[in-house]
Amino acid sequence: MTEENNVITIDGNEYDPADLNLQQHYLISQINDLQFKRQKLQFDMDQVNVALESFTNNLIESVTEQPEKEKINE
């Protein structure tokens, strides 16, 4: 579904918003809000993934830099 120049396109068919009823406008608002939330969640997940990778790499680096005597028996 796309909305450009006050025309809504659904499955290749164009609809004039003036011809839509209140429920259809409500559904469009819900869809728009959910698309925004999905984009926000993806943005947040990208940040979490980068931070998790960074912390993991820092831990691995700090463990591998330990002198041999500090390592726990393997």
N, C-alpha and C. Protein backbone atom coordinates (compact mmCIF):
# COMPACT_ATOMS: atom_id res chain seq x y z
N MET A 1 0.84 -1.17 0.00
CA MET A 1 0.00 0.00 0.00
C MET A 1 0.89 1.24 0.00
N THR A 2 0.63 2.14 -0.90
CA THR A 2 1.36 3.41 -0.94
C THR A 2 0.36 4.55 -0.97
N GLU A 3 0.82 5.69 -0.49
CA GLU A 3 -0.02 6.89 -0.48
C GLU A 3 0.78 8.04 -1.06
N GLU A 4 0.41 8.48 -2.25
CA GLU A 4 1.11 9.57 -2.92
C GLU A 4 0.10 10.53 -3.50
N ASN A 5 0.33 11.83 -3.28
CA ASN A 5 -0.52 12.86 -3.88
C ASN A 5 -2.00 12.60 -3.64
N ASN A 6 -2.33 12.25 -2.42
CA ASN A 6 -3.72 12.00 -2.04
C ASN A 6 -4.37 10.85 -2.80
N VAL A 7 -3.56 9.95 -3.31
CA VAL A 7 -4.07 8.74 -3.95
C VAL A 7 -3.47 7.56 -3.20
N ILE A 8 -4.29 6.60 -2.88
CA ILE A 8 -3.82 5.42 -2.16
C ILE A 8 -3.83 4.25 -3.14
N THR A 9 -2.70 3.56 -3.22
CA THR A 9 -2.59 2.43 -4.12
C THR A 9 -2.52 1.14 -3.31
N ILE A 10 -3.45 0.23 -3.58
CA ILE A 10 -3.49 -1.07 -2.91
C ILE A 10 -3.59 -2.13 -4.00
N ASP A 11 -2.62 -3.02 -4.01
CA ASP A 11 -2.57 -4.10 -5.02
C ASP A 11 -2.72 -3.57 -6.45
N GLY A 12 -2.07 -2.43 -6.73
CA GLY A 12 -2.08 -1.88 -8.08
C GLY A 12 -3.31 -1.06 -8.42
N ASN A 13 -4.27 -0.98 -7.50
CA ASN A 13 -5.48 -0.19 -7.73
C ASN A 13 -5.39 1.12 -6.96
N GLU A 14 -5.77 2.22 -7.62
CA GLU A 14 -5.71 3.53 -6.99
C GLU A 14 -7.07 3.91 -6.40
N TYR A 15 -7.01 4.50 -5.20
CA TYR A 15 -8.22 4.91 -4.51
C TYR A 15 -8.08 6.36 -4.05
N ASP A 16 -9.13 7.13 -4.25
CA ASP A 16 -9.17 8.50 -3.76
C ASP A 16 -9.57 8.46 -2.29
N PRO A 17 -8.75 9.05 -1.40
CA PRO A 17 -9.10 9.02 0.02
C PRO A 17 -10.49 9.59 0.32
N ALA A 18 -10.96 10.50 -0.50
CA ALA A 18 -12.30 11.07 -0.29
C ALA A 18 -13.39 10.03 -0.44
N ASP A 19 -13.09 8.96 -1.15
CA ASP A 19 -14.07 7.90 -1.38
C ASP A 19 -14.05 6.83 -0.29
N LEU A 20 -13.10 6.90 0.63
CA LEU A 20 -12.96 5.89 1.67
C LEU A 20 -13.80 6.27 2.89
N ASN A 21 -14.30 5.25 3.58
CA ASN A 21 -15.11 5.51 4.77
C ASN A 21 -14.21 5.68 6.00
N LEU A 22 -14.82 5.98 7.13
CA LEU A 22 -14.07 6.22 8.36
C LEU A 22 -13.25 5.02 8.80
N GLN A 23 -13.81 3.83 8.67
CA GLN A 23 -13.08 2.63 9.06
C GLN A 23 -11.84 2.44 8.19
N GLN A 24 -11.96 2.69 6.92
CA GLN A 24 -10.82 2.55 6.02
C GLN A 24 -9.74 3.59 6.33
N HIS A 25 -10.14 4.80 6.67
CA HIS A 25 -9.16 5.81 7.09
C HIS A 25 -8.47 5.38 8.39
N TYR A 26 -9.25 4.80 9.29
CA TYR A 26 -8.69 4.31 10.55
C TYR A 26 -7.67 3.21 10.28
N LEU A 27 -8.02 2.29 9.40
CA LEU A 27 -7.10 1.19 9.07
C LEU A 27 -5.82 1.72 8.43
N ILE A 28 -5.94 2.71 7.58
CA ILE A 28 -4.76 3.32 6.96
C ILE A 28 -3.88 3.96 8.03
N SER A 29 -4.50 4.64 8.99
CA SER A 29 -3.73 5.25 10.08
C SER A 29 -3.01 4.19 10.90
N GLN A 30 -3.67 3.08 11.18
CA GLN A 30 -3.05 1.99 11.92
C GLN A 30 -1.87 1.42 11.14
N ILE A 31 -2.06 1.19 9.85
CA ILE A 31 -0.99 0.64 9.01
C ILE A 31 0.21 1.59 8.99
N ASN A 32 -0.04 2.88 8.82
CA ASN A 32 1.05 3.86 8.80
C ASN A 32 1.81 3.87 10.12
N ASP A 33 1.07 3.82 11.23
CA ASP A 33 1.70 3.82 12.54
C ASP A 33 2.53 2.56 12.75
N LEU A 34 2.00 1.43 12.34
CA LEU A 34 2.73 0.16 12.50
C LEU A 34 3.98 0.13 11.62
N GLN A 35 3.91 0.68 10.43
CA GLN A 35 5.10 0.76 9.58
C GLN A 35 6.17 1.62 10.23
N PHE A 36 5.75 2.74 10.83
CA PHE A 36 6.69 3.60 11.54
C PHE A 36 7.32 2.86 12.71
N LYS A 37 6.50 2.15 13.49
CA LYS A 37 7.01 1.41 14.65
C LYS A 37 7.98 0.31 14.21
N ARG A 38 7.66 -0.37 13.11
CA ARG A 38 8.56 -1.41 12.61
C ARG A 38 9.91 -0.81 12.23
N GLN A 39 9.91 0.35 11.57
CA GLN A 39 11.16 1.01 11.21
C GLN A 39 11.94 1.40 12.46
N LYS A 40 11.25 1.90 13.47
CA LYS A 40 11.90 2.29 14.73
C LYS A 40 12.50 1.06 15.41
N LEU A 41 11.75 -0.03 15.45
CA LEU A 41 12.27 -1.25 16.07
C LEU A 41 13.49 -1.78 15.33
N GLN A 42 13.46 -1.72 13.99
CA GLN A 42 14.62 -2.16 13.21
C GLN A 42 15.82 -1.28 13.50
N PHE A 43 15.60 0.02 13.62
CA PHE A 43 16.66 0.97 13.96
C PHE A 43 17.26 0.61 15.32
N ASP A 44 16.38 0.35 16.30
CA ASP A 44 16.84 -0.04 17.64
C ASP A 44 17.59 -1.36 17.61
N MET A 45 17.10 -2.33 16.85
CA MET A 45 17.78 -3.63 16.75
C MET A 45 19.16 -3.48 16.12
N ASP A 46 19.30 -2.61 15.14
CA ASP A 46 20.62 -2.37 14.54
C ASP A 46 21.59 -1.86 15.60
N GLN A 47 21.12 -0.93 16.44
CA GLN A 47 21.98 -0.40 17.51
C GLN A 47 22.34 -1.49 18.52
N VAL A 48 21.37 -2.30 18.90
CA VAL A 48 21.61 -3.37 19.87
C VAL A 48 22.61 -4.37 19.30
N ASN A 49 22.45 -4.74 18.05
CA ASN A 49 23.36 -5.71 17.44
C ASN A 49 24.79 -5.20 17.38
N VAL A 50 24.96 -3.93 17.03
CA VAL A 50 26.31 -3.36 16.97
C VAL A 50 26.91 -3.29 18.37
N ALA A 51 26.12 -2.86 19.35
CA ALA A 51 26.63 -2.78 20.73
C ALA A 51 26.98 -4.16 21.26
N LEU A 52 26.13 -5.14 21.03
CA LEU A 52 26.39 -6.51 21.49
C LEU A 52 27.67 -7.05 20.86
N GLU A 53 27.85 -6.83 19.58
CA GLU A 53 29.07 -7.29 18.91
C GLU A 53 30.30 -6.60 19.49
N SER A 54 30.19 -5.31 19.77
CA SER A 54 31.30 -4.56 20.33
C SER A 54 31.67 -5.08 21.72
N PHE A 55 30.69 -5.26 22.58
CA PHE A 55 30.96 -5.76 23.92
C PHE A 55 31.53 -7.18 23.88
N THR A 56 31.01 -8.00 22.99
CA THR A 56 31.52 -9.36 22.85
C THR A 56 32.97 -9.35 22.41
N ASN A 57 33.27 -8.52 21.41
CA ASN A 57 34.65 -8.42 20.92
C ASN A 57 35.58 -7.88 22.01
N ASN A 58 35.11 -6.91 22.79
CA ASN A 58 35.93 -6.39 23.89
C ASN A 58 36.21 -7.46 24.93
N LEU A 59 35.21 -8.27 25.24
CA LEU A 59 35.42 -9.35 26.20
C LEU A 59 36.42 -10.36 25.67
N ILE A 60 36.25 -10.77 24.44
CA ILE A 60 37.16 -11.75 23.83
C ILE A 60 38.58 -11.20 23.83
N GLU A 61 38.72 -9.94 23.46
CA GLU A 61 40.04 -9.32 23.42
C GLU A 61 40.66 -9.26 24.82
N SER A 62 39.86 -8.90 25.81
CA SER A 62 40.42 -8.79 27.16
C SER A 62 40.81 -10.15 27.73
N VAL A 63 40.07 -11.18 27.38
CA VAL A 63 40.39 -12.53 27.88
C VAL A 63 41.64 -13.06 27.20
N THR A 64 41.77 -12.83 25.92
CA THR A 64 42.93 -13.37 25.20
C THR A 64 44.21 -12.61 25.52
N GLU A 65 44.11 -11.43 26.10
CA GLU A 65 45.29 -10.65 26.47
C GLU A 65 45.79 -10.98 27.87
N GLN A 66 45.05 -11.80 28.63
CA GLN A 66 45.47 -12.14 30.00
C GLN A 66 46.77 -12.92 29.98
N PRO A 67 47.67 -12.64 30.90
CA PRO A 67 48.87 -13.46 31.01
C PRO A 67 48.48 -14.90 31.34
N GLU A 68 49.30 -15.83 30.97
CA GLU A 68 49.01 -17.24 31.17
C GLU A 68 48.69 -17.59 32.61
N LYS A 69 49.36 -16.98 33.59
CA LYS A 69 49.14 -17.35 34.98
C LYS A 69 47.76 -16.94 35.49
N GLU A 70 47.10 -15.98 34.82
CA GLU A 70 45.78 -15.54 35.27
C GLU A 70 44.67 -16.42 34.71
N LYS A 71 44.96 -17.20 33.71
CA LYS A 71 43.93 -18.03 33.10
C LYS A 71 43.56 -19.16 34.05
N ILE A 72 42.27 -19.47 34.06
CA ILE A 72 41.78 -20.57 34.89
C ILE A 72 42.18 -21.88 34.22
N ASN A 73 42.45 -22.90 35.02
CA ASN A 73 42.84 -24.21 34.47
C ASN A 73 41.89 -24.62 33.37
N GLU A 74 42.46 -25.01 32.28
CA GLU A 74 41.64 -25.40 31.12
C GLU A 74 41.54 -26.91 31.05
